[in-house]
């Protein structure tokens, strides 16, 4: 039967078919958008790399080279009068190790 120039049974099946096609397009588009979305990367830093990073940071805290002091020490070494101050060396190494382990 024809109503207003349309056949109801054809229109109903046609409408249902179009809706099904639209749903498939929507699902395909949503799948594509998640497939093309870049996943976030994760990185972990090893314990050794963390220690290295802290060591580099600790070295950055060391004073710049004081040329006059270097020259004086070289002169003492050449004269045979340079005395190694073991307590100072041990103390500074201890400070550096403490900074690294924090």
Foldseek 3Di string as FASTA:
>chain_A
DADPNDDVVVVVVVVVVVVVVVVVVVVVVVVVVVVPDDDDDDDDDDPVRLLVVQLVVLVVPDDDDDVVVVVVQVVCVVVVNDDDDVVVVVVVVVVSVVSSVD
